[in-house]
Amino acid sequence: MHLDNLKLLQHKLQEKKAAFIADHDFLLTNELSSYCADITSLIQLNQILCMEVNGMRQFPTFQFTDEGVVHEVLKLCLPRLLNSGRSAWDICFWLYQELSVTLRRTDPDAARLKDVSFEEMLELGKQAKEQTERYIGRPIDAVRKGNDEVFLACVEHLLNPDYREIPKL
């Protein structure tokens, strides 16, 4: 890659990080000690989002419940997400990205397609689309609403988009 392009990409990433920091609250390690008994263990097990901001280890507050613990479904999925080669920043950006994820789909009956007209085939396709259950929104919103099924589908959509098994209606 050309050096100027690399510098431009690095600059854009820094701008994206700065905008994210400006839009979100973070806690320092000493501020977390009253919430989390063993921060070191959570970090080592990749069960908490932690990043360096302004030379200090900081934790985005959106990952915590009102009681100050990491949302259980996020804690469950963070090891997979962080061990997939994505940084804590990548995951933060993804959590706030609006997605369209198929949750359940219809299973078309191939036998019904035999000897049907093109118009009938289009109608069957339209019906299948209308019956497909989708989530359109940000993964973090599913976490906050306690909709673990949707969040888990978002995680699978990120980690395994081409081979994800989508339940049938």
C-alpha atoms as a PDB file:
ATOM      1  CA  MET A   1       0.000   0.000   0.000  1.00  0.00           C
ATOM      2  CA  HIS A   2       1.258   3.464  -0.779  1.00  0.00           C
ATOM      3  CA  LEU A   3       2.641   5.291   2.304  1.00  0.00           C
ATOM      4  CA  ASP A   4       0.360   8.315   1.800  1.00  0.00           C
ATOM      5  CA  ASN A   5      -2.717   6.069   1.716  1.00  0.00           C
ATOM      6  CA  LEU A   6      -1.611   4.373   4.933  1.00  0.00           C
ATOM      7  CA  LYS A   7      -1.140   7.731   6.636  1.00  0.00           C
ATOM      8  CA  LEU A   8      -4.578   8.838   5.461  1.00  0.00           C
ATOM      9  CA  LEU A   9      -6.176   5.653   6.847  1.00  0.00           C
ATOM     10  CA  GLN A  10      -4.367   6.107  10.172  1.00  0.00           C
ATOM     11  CA  HIS A  11      -5.563   9.720  10.322  1.00  0.00           C
ATOM     12  CA  LYS A  12      -9.157   8.679   9.630  1.00  0.00           C
ATOM     13  CA  LEU A  13      -8.958   6.037  12.367  1.00  0.00           C
ATOM     14  CA  GLN A  14      -7.668   8.628  14.837  1.00  0.00           C
ATOM     15  CA  GLU A  15     -10.533  10.941  13.891  1.00  0.00           C
ATOM     16  CA  LYS A  16     -13.035   8.124  14.348  1.00  0.00           C
ATOM     17  CA  LYS A  17     -11.586   7.296  17.769  1.00  0.00           C
ATOM     18  CA  ALA A  18     -11.655  10.960  18.814  1.00  0.00           C
ATOM     19  CA  ALA A  19     -15.304  11.293  17.772  1.00  0.00           C
ATOM     20  CA  PHE A  20     -16.188   8.107  19.661  1.00  0.00           C
ATOM     21  CA  ILE A  21     -14.397   9.340  22.797  1.00  0.00           C
ATOM     22  CA  ALA A  22     -16.238  12.664  22.568  1.00  0.00           C
ATOM     23  CA  ASP A  23     -19.607  10.876  22.309  1.00  0.00           C
ATOM     24  CA  HIS A  24     -19.124   8.304  25.099  1.00  0.00           C
ATOM     25  CA  ASP A  25     -18.181   8.194  28.757  1.00  0.00           C
ATOM     26  CA  PHE A  26     -15.246   6.172  30.012  1.00  0.00           C
ATOM     27  CA  LEU A  27     -14.120   5.080  33.464  1.00  0.00           C
ATOM     28  CA  LEU A  28     -10.566   4.725  34.722  1.00  0.00           C
ATOM     29  CA  THR A  29      -9.434   1.562  36.507  1.00  0.00           C
ATOM     30  CA  ASN A  30      -9.661   3.181  39.947  1.00  0.00           C
ATOM     31  CA  GLU A  31     -13.238   4.311  39.202  1.00  0.00           C
ATOM     32  CA  LEU A  32     -14.197   0.741  38.337  1.00  0.00           C
ATOM     33  CA  SER A  33     -12.908  -0.856  41.508  1.00  0.00           C
ATOM     34  CA  SER A  34     -16.141  -0.044  43.324  1.00  0.00           C
ATOM     35  CA  TYR A  35     -18.100  -1.911  40.603  1.00  0.00           C
ATOM     36  CA  CYS A  36     -15.922  -4.813  39.596  1.00  0.00           C
ATOM     37  CA  ALA A  37     -14.097  -6.851  42.199  1.00  0.00           C
ATOM     38  CA  ASP A  38     -11.518  -8.361  39.840  1.00  0.00           C
ATOM     39  CA  ILE A  39     -10.862  -6.069  36.878  1.00  0.00           C
ATOM     40  CA  THR A  40      -7.563  -7.797  36.090  1.00  0.00           C
ATOM     41  CA  SER A  41      -9.301 -11.151  35.690  1.00  0.00           C
ATOM     42  CA  LEU A  42     -11.995  -9.645  33.432  1.00  0.00           C
ATOM     43  CA  ILE A  43      -9.293  -8.093  31.241  1.00  0.00           C
ATOM     44  CA  GLN A  44      -7.247 -11.309  31.053  1.00  0.00           C
ATOM     45  CA  LEU A  45     -10.347 -13.332  30.138  1.00  0.00           C
ATOM     46  CA  ASN A  46     -11.394 -10.731  27.510  1.00  0.00           C
ATOM     47  CA  GLN A  47     -14.720 -10.244  29.302  1.00  0.00           C
ATOM     48  CA  ILE A  48     -14.577  -6.444  29.386  1.00  0.00           C
ATOM     49  CA  LEU A  49     -13.790  -3.761  26.814  1.00  0.00           C
ATOM     50  CA  CYS A  50     -10.645  -1.910  27.792  1.00  0.00           C
ATOM     51  CA  MET A  51      -8.585   0.493  25.744  1.00  0.00           C
ATOM     52  CA  GLU A  52      -5.889   3.057  26.134  1.00  0.00           C
ATOM     53  CA  VAL A  53      -7.211   6.607  25.928  1.00  0.00           C
ATOM     54  CA  ASN A  54      -4.876   9.538  26.533  1.00  0.00           C
ATOM     55  CA  GLY A  55      -2.225   7.149  27.834  1.00  0.00           C
ATOM     56  CA  MET A  56      -4.514   5.594  30.450  1.00  0.00           C
ATOM     57  CA  ARG A  57      -6.447   2.338  30.591  1.00  0.00           C
ATOM     58  CA  GLN A  58     -10.133   3.200  30.255  1.00  0.00           C
ATOM     59  CA  PHE A  59     -13.435   1.347  30.047  1.00  0.00           C
ATOM     60  CA  PRO A  60     -16.450   2.529  28.030  1.00  0.00           C
ATOM     61  CA  THR A  61     -19.443   2.859  30.363  1.00  0.00           C
ATOM     62  CA  PHE A  62     -21.998   1.567  27.853  1.00  0.00           C
ATOM     63  CA  GLN A  63     -20.868  -1.992  28.586  1.00  0.00           C
ATOM     64  CA  PHE A  64     -22.126  -1.783  32.171  1.00  0.00           C
ATOM     65  CA  THR A  65     -25.592  -2.329  33.637  1.00  0.00           C
ATOM     66  CA  ASP A  66     -27.089   0.172  36.063  1.00  0.00           C
ATOM     67  CA  GLU A  67     -25.586  -2.011  38.810  1.00  0.00           C
ATOM     68  CA  GLY A  68     -22.119  -1.487  37.326  1.00  0.00           C
ATOM     69  CA  VAL A  69     -21.433  -4.988  36.026  1.00  0.00           C
ATOM     70  CA  VAL A  70     -20.695  -5.904  32.424  1.00  0.00           C
ATOM     71  CA  HIS A  71     -23.893  -6.915  30.609  1.00  0.00           C
ATOM     72  CA  GLU A  72     -23.959 -10.709  30.830  1.00  0.00           C
ATOM     73  CA  VAL A  73     -24.442 -11.358  27.087  1.00  0.00           C
ATOM     74  CA  LEU A  74     -21.615  -8.939  26.254  1.00  0.00           C
ATOM     75  CA  LYS A  75     -19.364 -10.600  28.836  1.00  0.00           C
ATOM     76  CA  LEU A  76     -20.226 -13.967  27.256  1.00  0.00           C
ATOM     77  CA  CYS A  77     -19.452 -12.819  23.679  1.00  0.00           C
ATOM     78  CA  LEU A  78     -16.458 -10.536  24.200  1.00  0.00           C
ATOM     79  CA  PRO A  79     -13.908 -13.380  24.321  1.00  0.00           C
ATOM     80  CA  ARG A  80     -15.009 -14.591  20.870  1.00  0.00           C
ATOM     81  CA  LEU A  81     -15.096 -11.060  19.499  1.00  0.00           C
ATOM     82  CA  LEU A  82     -11.720 -10.042  20.918  1.00  0.00           C
ATOM     83  CA  ASN A  83     -10.087 -13.351  19.948  1.00  0.00           C
ATOM     84  CA  SER A  84     -11.286 -12.972  16.353  1.00  0.00           C
ATOM     85  CA  GLY A  85      -8.547 -10.488  15.538  1.00  0.00           C
ATOM     86  CA  ARG A  86     -10.683  -7.432  16.294  1.00  0.00           C
ATOM     87  CA  SER A  87      -9.524  -4.742  18.659  1.00  0.00           C
ATOM     88  CA  ALA A  88     -11.613  -3.246  21.454  1.00  0.00           C
ATOM     89  CA  TRP A  89     -11.996  -0.198  19.194  1.00  0.00           C
ATOM     90  CA  ASP A  90     -13.311  -2.343  16.341  1.00  0.00           C
ATOM     91  CA  ILE A  91     -15.896  -3.850  18.669  1.00  0.00           C
ATOM     92  CA  CYS A  92     -16.933  -0.447  20.027  1.00  0.00           C
ATOM     93  CA  PHE A  93     -17.468   0.879  16.505  1.00  0.00           C
ATOM     94  CA  TRP A  94     -19.411  -2.273  15.559  1.00  0.00           C
ATOM     95  CA  LEU A  95     -21.636  -2.061  18.646  1.00  0.00           C
ATOM     96  CA  TYR A  96     -22.826   1.359  17.489  1.00  0.00           C
ATOM     97  CA  GLN A  97     -23.181   0.507  13.799  1.00  0.00           C
ATOM     98  CA  GLU A  98     -26.709   0.019  12.505  1.00  0.00           C
ATOM     99  CA  LEU A  99     -27.119  -3.470  11.090  1.00  0.00           C
ATOM    100  CA  SER A 100     -29.769  -5.446   9.301  1.00  0.00           C
ATOM    101  CA  VAL A 101     -29.632  -9.041  10.522  1.00  0.00           C
ATOM    102  CA  THR A 102     -31.952 -11.884   9.525  1.00  0.00           C
ATOM    103  CA  LEU A 103     -33.217 -13.616  12.668  1.00  0.00           C
ATOM    104  CA  ARG A 104     -35.576 -16.169  11.129  1.00  0.00           C
ATOM    105  CA  ARG A 105     -36.388 -17.022   7.553  1.00  0.00           C
ATOM    106  CA  THR A 106     -38.942 -19.025   5.683  1.00  0.00           C
ATOM    107  CA  ASP A 107     -37.897 -22.241   4.026  1.00  0.00           C
ATOM    108  CA  PRO A 108     -39.225 -22.157   0.475  1.00  0.00           C
ATOM    109  CA  ASP A 109     -40.823 -25.356  -0.713  1.00  0.00           C
ATOM    110  CA  ALA A 110     -39.110 -26.215  -3.991  1.00  0.00           C
ATOM    111  CA  ALA A 111     -42.023 -28.450  -4.968  1.00  0.00           C
ATOM    112  CA  ARG A 112     -44.277 -25.370  -5.039  1.00  0.00           C
ATOM    113  CA  LEU A 113     -42.063 -23.804  -7.685  1.00  0.00           C
ATOM    114  CA  LYS A 114     -42.709 -26.525 -10.218  1.00  0.00           C
ATOM    115  CA  ASP A 115     -44.926 -25.392 -13.068  1.00  0.00           C
ATOM    116  CA  VAL A 116     -45.489 -21.878 -11.664  1.00  0.00           C
ATOM    117  CA  SER A 117     -45.388 -18.749 -13.745  1.00  0.00           C
ATOM    118  CA  PHE A 118     -42.764 -16.085 -13.328  1.00  0.00           C
ATOM    119  CA  GLU A 119     -45.364 -13.794 -11.706  1.00  0.00           C
ATOM    120  CA  GLU A 120     -46.320 -16.527  -9.219  1.00  0.00           C
ATOM    121  CA  MET A 121     -42.662 -17.077  -8.430  1.00  0.00           C
ATOM    122  CA  LEU A 122     -42.238 -13.350  -7.763  1.00  0.00           C
ATOM    123  CA  GLU A 123     -45.275 -13.426  -5.479  1.00  0.00           C
ATOM    124  CA  LEU A 124     -43.869 -16.378  -3.542  1.00  0.00           C
ATOM    125  CA  GLY A 125     -40.586 -14.500  -3.165  1.00  0.00           C
ATOM    126  CA  LYS A 126     -42.440 -11.432  -1.905  1.00  0.00           C
ATOM    127  CA  GLN A 127     -44.317 -13.531   0.639  1.00  0.00           C
ATOM    128  CA  ALA A 128     -41.080 -15.131   1.841  1.00  0.00           C
ATOM    129  CA  LYS A 129     -39.499 -11.695   2.251  1.00  0.00           C
ATOM    130  CA  GLU A 130     -42.487 -10.430   4.234  1.00  0.00           C
ATOM    131  CA  GLN A 131     -42.350 -13.469   6.512  1.00  0.00           C
ATOM    132  CA  THR A 132     -38.630 -13.119   7.195  1.00  0.00           C
ATOM    133  CA  GLU A 133     -37.907 -11.763  10.664  1.00  0.00           C
ATOM    134  CA  ARG A 134     -35.155  -9.136  10.732  1.00  0.00           C
ATOM    135  CA  TYR A 135     -33.468  -6.931  13.286  1.00  0.00           C
ATOM    136  CA  ILE A 136     -32.544  -3.479  12.101  1.00  0.00           C
ATOM    137  CA  GLY A 137     -30.637  -1.575  14.710  1.00  0.00           C
ATOM    138  CA  ARG A 138     -27.430  -1.357  16.668  1.00  0.00           C
ATOM    139  CA  PRO A 139     -26.049  -4.343  18.575  1.00  0.00           C
ATOM    140  CA  ILE A 140     -25.642  -2.229  21.721  1.00  0.00           C
ATOM    141  CA  ASP A 141     -29.388  -1.515  21.726  1.00  0.00           C
ATOM    142  CA  ALA A 142     -30.127  -5.243  21.772  1.00  0.00           C
ATOM    143  CA  VAL A 143     -27.727  -5.605  24.722  1.00  0.00           C
ATOM    144  CA  ARG A 144     -29.338  -2.754  26.658  1.00  0.00           C
ATOM    145  CA  LYS A 145     -32.850  -4.105  26.050  1.00  0.00           C
ATOM    146  CA  GLY A 146     -31.794  -7.548  27.257  1.00  0.00           C
ATOM    147  CA  ASN A 147     -32.536  -9.072  23.872  1.00  0.00           C
ATOM    148  CA  ASP A 148     -29.817 -11.714  24.007  1.00  0.00           C
ATOM    149  CA  GLU A 149     -31.144 -13.679  21.026  1.00  0.00           C
ATOM    150  CA  VAL A 150     -30.830 -10.637  18.771  1.00  0.00           C
ATOM    151  CA  PHE A 151     -27.377  -9.755  20.091  1.00  0.00           C
ATOM    152  CA  LEU A 152     -26.140 -13.308  19.575  1.00  0.00           C
ATOM    153  CA  ALA A 153     -27.447 -13.180  15.981  1.00  0.00           C
ATOM    154  CA  CYS A 154     -25.559  -9.890  15.490  1.00  0.00           C
ATOM    155  CA  VAL A 155     -22.365 -11.505  16.788  1.00  0.00           C
ATOM    156  CA  GLU A 156     -22.773 -14.491  14.456  1.00  0.00           C
ATOM    157  CA  HIS A 157     -23.531 -12.100  11.580  1.00  0.00           C
ATOM    158  CA  LEU A 158     -20.215 -10.339  12.260  1.00  0.00           C
ATOM    159  CA  LEU A 159     -18.058 -13.398  12.862  1.00  0.00           C
ATOM    160  CA  ASN A 160     -19.574 -15.856  10.415  1.00  0.00           C
ATOM    161  CA  PRO A 161     -21.688 -13.987   7.855  1.00  0.00           C
ATOM    162  CA  ASP A 162     -21.449 -16.479   5.000  1.00  0.00           C
ATOM    163  CA  TYR A 163     -21.990 -19.653   7.003  1.00  0.00           C
ATOM    164  CA  ARG A 164     -24.319 -18.483   9.741  1.00  0.00           C
ATOM    165  CA  GLU A 165     -27.208 -20.841  10.353  1.00  0.00           C
ATOM    166  CA  ILE A 166     -30.421 -18.819  10.303  1.00  0.00           C
ATOM    167  CA  PRO A 167     -33.351 -20.468  12.077  1.00  0.00           C
ATOM    168  CA  LYS A 168     -36.432 -21.192   9.981  1.00  0.00           C
ATOM    169  CA  LEU A 169     -39.919 -20.008  10.803  1.00  0.00           C
END
